[in-house]
Amino acid sequence: YGLWPEIQRAVIPSQAAIVTPTGQAVTVPRSLNGHYYLEAEVNGVPVMFTVDTGATDLVLSRADARRAGIDPDDLAYLG
């Protein structure tokens, strides 16, 4: 248990940005639960997203929207 932070970094892949000859790429490793997660900034606030390549919409939780300075009560939910 005492070494879990060190072991965790070694056995659980994390998000990383790499620069390639053709530009910049981001690698998103599969999580232990089989899903892909990506931390991105919304209005300068870090938000954890689930990566779904077949998704039609990009959705924020009400709490994440508020943290990013977006008032969910002022939005028109049309999607």
N, C-alpha and C. Protein backbone atom coordinates (compact mmCIF):
# COMPACT_ATOMS: atom_id res chain seq x y z
N TYR A 1 0.82 -1.18 0.00
CA TYR A 1 0.00 0.00 0.00
C TYR A 1 0.87 1.25 0.00
N GLY A 2 1.93 1.24 0.75
CA GLY A 2 2.78 2.42 0.86
C GLY A 2 3.46 2.80 -0.45
N LEU A 3 3.67 1.85 -1.33
CA LEU A 3 4.33 2.13 -2.61
C LEU A 3 3.34 2.31 -3.75
N TRP A 4 2.02 2.31 -3.47
CA TRP A 4 1.02 2.37 -4.54
C TRP A 4 1.22 3.56 -5.48
N PRO A 5 1.52 4.78 -5.02
CA PRO A 5 1.70 5.89 -5.97
C PRO A 5 2.79 5.60 -7.01
N GLU A 6 3.90 5.00 -6.60
CA GLU A 6 4.97 4.68 -7.53
C GLU A 6 4.56 3.53 -8.46
N ILE A 7 3.92 2.51 -7.89
CA ILE A 7 3.49 1.36 -8.69
C ILE A 7 2.41 1.78 -9.67
N GLN A 8 1.48 2.61 -9.23
CA GLN A 8 0.38 3.07 -10.07
C GLN A 8 0.90 3.77 -11.32
N ARG A 9 1.88 4.64 -11.17
CA ARG A 9 2.46 5.33 -12.34
C ARG A 9 3.07 4.36 -13.32
N ALA A 10 3.58 3.24 -12.83
CA ALA A 10 4.23 2.26 -13.70
C ALA A 10 3.25 1.34 -14.40
N VAL A 11 2.13 0.99 -13.74
CA VAL A 11 1.24 -0.01 -14.30
C VAL A 11 -0.03 0.56 -14.94
N ILE A 12 -0.39 1.79 -14.60
CA ILE A 12 -1.58 2.41 -15.19
C ILE A 12 -1.14 3.50 -16.15
N PRO A 13 -1.34 3.30 -17.44
CA PRO A 13 -0.90 4.30 -18.41
C PRO A 13 -1.63 5.62 -18.18
N SER A 14 -0.97 6.70 -18.57
CA SER A 14 -1.60 8.01 -18.41
C SER A 14 -1.55 8.76 -19.73
N GLN A 15 -2.34 9.80 -19.79
CA GLN A 15 -2.42 10.66 -20.97
C GLN A 15 -1.07 11.33 -21.19
N ALA A 16 -0.66 11.44 -22.43
CA ALA A 16 0.61 12.09 -22.73
C ALA A 16 0.54 12.77 -24.08
N ALA A 17 1.20 13.90 -24.18
CA ALA A 17 1.27 14.59 -25.46
C ALA A 17 2.65 14.33 -26.06
N ILE A 18 2.69 14.02 -27.33
CA ILE A 18 3.96 13.79 -28.01
C ILE A 18 3.98 14.63 -29.28
N VAL A 19 5.16 15.00 -29.70
CA VAL A 19 5.30 15.76 -30.94
C VAL A 19 5.86 14.83 -32.00
N THR A 20 5.20 14.79 -33.14
CA THR A 20 5.62 13.93 -34.24
C THR A 20 6.15 14.79 -35.37
N PRO A 21 6.82 14.21 -36.36
CA PRO A 21 7.32 15.01 -37.49
C PRO A 21 6.21 15.73 -38.26
N THR A 22 4.99 15.21 -38.20
CA THR A 22 3.89 15.84 -38.94
C THR A 22 3.05 16.77 -38.07
N GLY A 23 3.38 16.92 -36.81
CA GLY A 23 2.61 17.79 -35.93
C GLY A 23 2.53 17.21 -34.54
N GLN A 24 1.51 17.57 -33.84
CA GLN A 24 1.35 17.13 -32.45
C GLN A 24 0.27 16.07 -32.36
N ALA A 25 0.48 15.09 -31.53
CA ALA A 25 -0.49 14.02 -31.32
C ALA A 25 -0.68 13.81 -29.83
N VAL A 26 -1.80 13.28 -29.45
CA VAL A 26 -2.08 12.96 -28.05
C VAL A 26 -2.38 11.47 -27.99
N THR A 27 -1.76 10.79 -27.06
CA THR A 27 -2.07 9.38 -26.85
C THR A 27 -3.02 9.27 -25.67
N VAL A 28 -4.04 8.44 -25.83
CA VAL A 28 -5.01 8.23 -24.77
C VAL A 28 -5.07 6.74 -24.49
N PRO A 29 -4.41 6.29 -23.44
CA PRO A 29 -4.40 4.85 -23.15
C PRO A 29 -5.74 4.38 -22.60
N ARG A 30 -6.00 3.11 -22.78
CA ARG A 30 -7.22 2.49 -22.24
C ARG A 30 -7.10 2.39 -20.73
N SER A 31 -8.15 2.77 -20.03
CA SER A 31 -8.19 2.69 -18.58
C SER A 31 -8.37 1.23 -18.15
N LEU A 32 -8.17 0.97 -16.88
CA LEU A 32 -8.34 -0.39 -16.38
C LEU A 32 -9.77 -0.88 -16.56
N ASN A 33 -10.74 0.04 -16.64
CA ASN A 33 -12.14 -0.38 -16.83
C ASN A 33 -12.50 -0.52 -18.30
N GLY A 34 -11.52 -0.36 -19.20
CA GLY A 34 -11.75 -0.56 -20.63
C GLY A 34 -12.17 0.69 -21.38
N HIS A 35 -12.40 1.79 -20.68
CA HIS A 35 -12.81 3.03 -21.33
C HIS A 35 -11.60 3.94 -21.53
N TYR A 36 -11.79 4.97 -22.32
CA TYR A 36 -10.74 5.95 -22.58
C TYR A 36 -11.17 7.29 -22.00
N TYR A 37 -10.28 7.92 -21.25
CA TYR A 37 -10.57 9.21 -20.62
C TYR A 37 -9.49 10.21 -21.02
N LEU A 38 -9.92 11.45 -21.15
CA LEU A 38 -9.00 12.51 -21.56
C LEU A 38 -9.30 13.74 -20.75
N GLU A 39 -8.28 14.32 -20.14
CA GLU A 39 -8.46 15.57 -19.43
C GLU A 39 -8.21 16.72 -20.40
N ALA A 40 -9.19 17.59 -20.53
CA ALA A 40 -9.07 18.74 -21.42
C ALA A 40 -9.52 19.98 -20.65
N GLU A 41 -9.15 21.14 -21.14
CA GLU A 41 -9.54 22.37 -20.49
C GLU A 41 -10.76 22.98 -21.17
N VAL A 42 -11.69 23.45 -20.35
CA VAL A 42 -12.86 24.18 -20.82
C VAL A 42 -12.80 25.54 -20.12
N ASN A 43 -12.59 26.59 -20.89
CA ASN A 43 -12.43 27.93 -20.31
C ASN A 43 -11.33 27.95 -19.25
N GLY A 44 -10.26 27.20 -19.48
CA GLY A 44 -9.12 27.18 -18.57
C GLY A 44 -9.27 26.26 -17.36
N VAL A 45 -10.39 25.53 -17.27
CA VAL A 45 -10.64 24.63 -16.14
C VAL A 45 -10.48 23.19 -16.62
N PRO A 46 -9.66 22.38 -15.92
CA PRO A 46 -9.51 20.98 -16.33
C PRO A 46 -10.79 20.19 -16.11
N VAL A 47 -11.20 19.44 -17.14
CA VAL A 47 -12.41 18.61 -17.08
C VAL A 47 -12.06 17.24 -17.64
N MET A 48 -12.50 16.18 -16.96
CA MET A 48 -12.26 14.82 -17.42
C MET A 48 -13.39 14.40 -18.36
N PHE A 49 -13.03 13.97 -19.57
CA PHE A 49 -14.00 13.53 -20.57
C PHE A 49 -13.82 12.04 -20.82
N THR A 50 -14.92 11.36 -21.14
CA THR A 50 -14.88 10.01 -21.64
C THR A 50 -14.78 10.12 -23.16
N VAL A 51 -13.79 9.47 -23.75
CA VAL A 51 -13.59 9.53 -25.20
C VAL A 51 -14.47 8.48 -25.85
N ASP A 52 -15.34 8.93 -26.76
CA ASP A 52 -16.24 8.05 -27.48
C ASP A 52 -16.18 8.46 -28.94
N THR A 53 -15.48 7.70 -29.75
CA THR A 53 -15.30 8.09 -31.16
C THR A 53 -16.58 8.04 -31.96
N GLY A 54 -17.61 7.40 -31.43
CA GLY A 54 -18.87 7.34 -32.14
C GLY A 54 -19.90 8.32 -31.59
N ALA A 55 -19.47 9.19 -30.69
CA ALA A 55 -20.42 10.11 -30.05
C ALA A 55 -20.89 11.17 -31.04
N THR A 56 -22.16 11.54 -30.91
CA THR A 56 -22.74 12.59 -31.73
C THR A 56 -22.60 13.94 -31.04
N ASP A 57 -22.64 13.95 -29.72
CA ASP A 57 -22.61 15.19 -28.95
C ASP A 57 -21.45 15.18 -27.96
N LEU A 58 -21.05 16.37 -27.57
CA LEU A 58 -20.08 16.57 -26.50
C LEU A 58 -20.86 17.13 -25.33
N VAL A 59 -20.80 16.48 -24.18
CA VAL A 59 -21.67 16.84 -23.07
C VAL A 59 -20.83 17.12 -21.82
N LEU A 60 -21.20 18.19 -21.12
CA LEU A 60 -20.61 18.51 -19.82
C LEU A 60 -21.65 18.25 -18.74
N SER A 61 -21.19 17.82 -17.59
CA SER A 61 -22.11 17.74 -16.46
C SER A 61 -22.42 19.17 -16.02
N ARG A 62 -23.51 19.34 -15.30
CA ARG A 62 -23.87 20.67 -14.81
C ARG A 62 -22.76 21.21 -13.90
N ALA A 63 -22.18 20.33 -13.08
CA ALA A 63 -21.12 20.75 -12.16
C ALA A 63 -19.88 21.21 -12.93
N ASP A 64 -19.48 20.44 -13.97
CA ASP A 64 -18.32 20.84 -14.77
C ASP A 64 -18.58 22.13 -15.52
N ALA A 65 -19.80 22.29 -16.03
CA ALA A 65 -20.15 23.53 -16.73
C ALA A 65 -20.02 24.72 -15.78
N ARG A 66 -20.54 24.59 -14.59
CA ARG A 66 -20.44 25.68 -13.61
C ARG A 66 -18.99 25.99 -13.26
N ARG A 67 -18.18 24.94 -13.07
CA ARG A 67 -16.75 25.17 -12.75
C ARG A 67 -16.06 25.92 -13.87
N ALA A 68 -16.51 25.71 -15.12
CA ALA A 68 -15.91 26.37 -16.28
C ALA A 68 -16.54 27.74 -16.57
N GLY A 69 -17.42 28.18 -15.69
CA GLY A 69 -18.01 29.50 -15.86
C GLY A 69 -19.22 29.53 -16.78
N ILE A 70 -19.83 28.38 -17.04
CA ILE A 70 -21.02 28.30 -17.89
C ILE A 70 -22.22 28.05 -16.99
N ASP A 71 -23.24 28.89 -17.09
CA ASP A 71 -24.44 28.73 -16.28
C ASP A 71 -25.43 27.83 -17.02
N PRO A 72 -25.62 26.60 -16.56
CA PRO A 72 -26.53 25.68 -17.26
C PRO A 72 -27.97 26.18 -17.33
N ASP A 73 -28.36 27.03 -16.39
CA ASP A 73 -29.73 27.54 -16.38
C ASP A 73 -29.98 28.53 -17.52
N ASP A 74 -28.91 29.08 -18.10
CA ASP A 74 -29.05 30.04 -19.21
C ASP A 74 -28.96 29.38 -20.58
N LEU A 75 -28.81 28.06 -20.63
CA LEU A 75 -28.63 27.37 -21.91
C LEU A 75 -29.95 26.88 -22.49
N ALA A 76 -30.01 26.83 -23.81
CA ALA A 76 -31.14 26.22 -24.49
C ALA A 76 -30.74 24.79 -24.84
N TYR A 77 -31.42 23.81 -24.27
CA TYR A 77 -31.09 22.40 -24.50
C TYR A 77 -31.85 21.92 -25.74
N LEU A 78 -31.17 21.98 -26.88
CA LEU A 78 -31.80 21.66 -28.15
C LEU A 78 -31.33 20.33 -28.73
N GLY A 79 -30.25 19.76 -28.20
CA GLY A 79 -29.68 18.56 -28.77
C GLY A 79 -30.23 17.30 -28.22
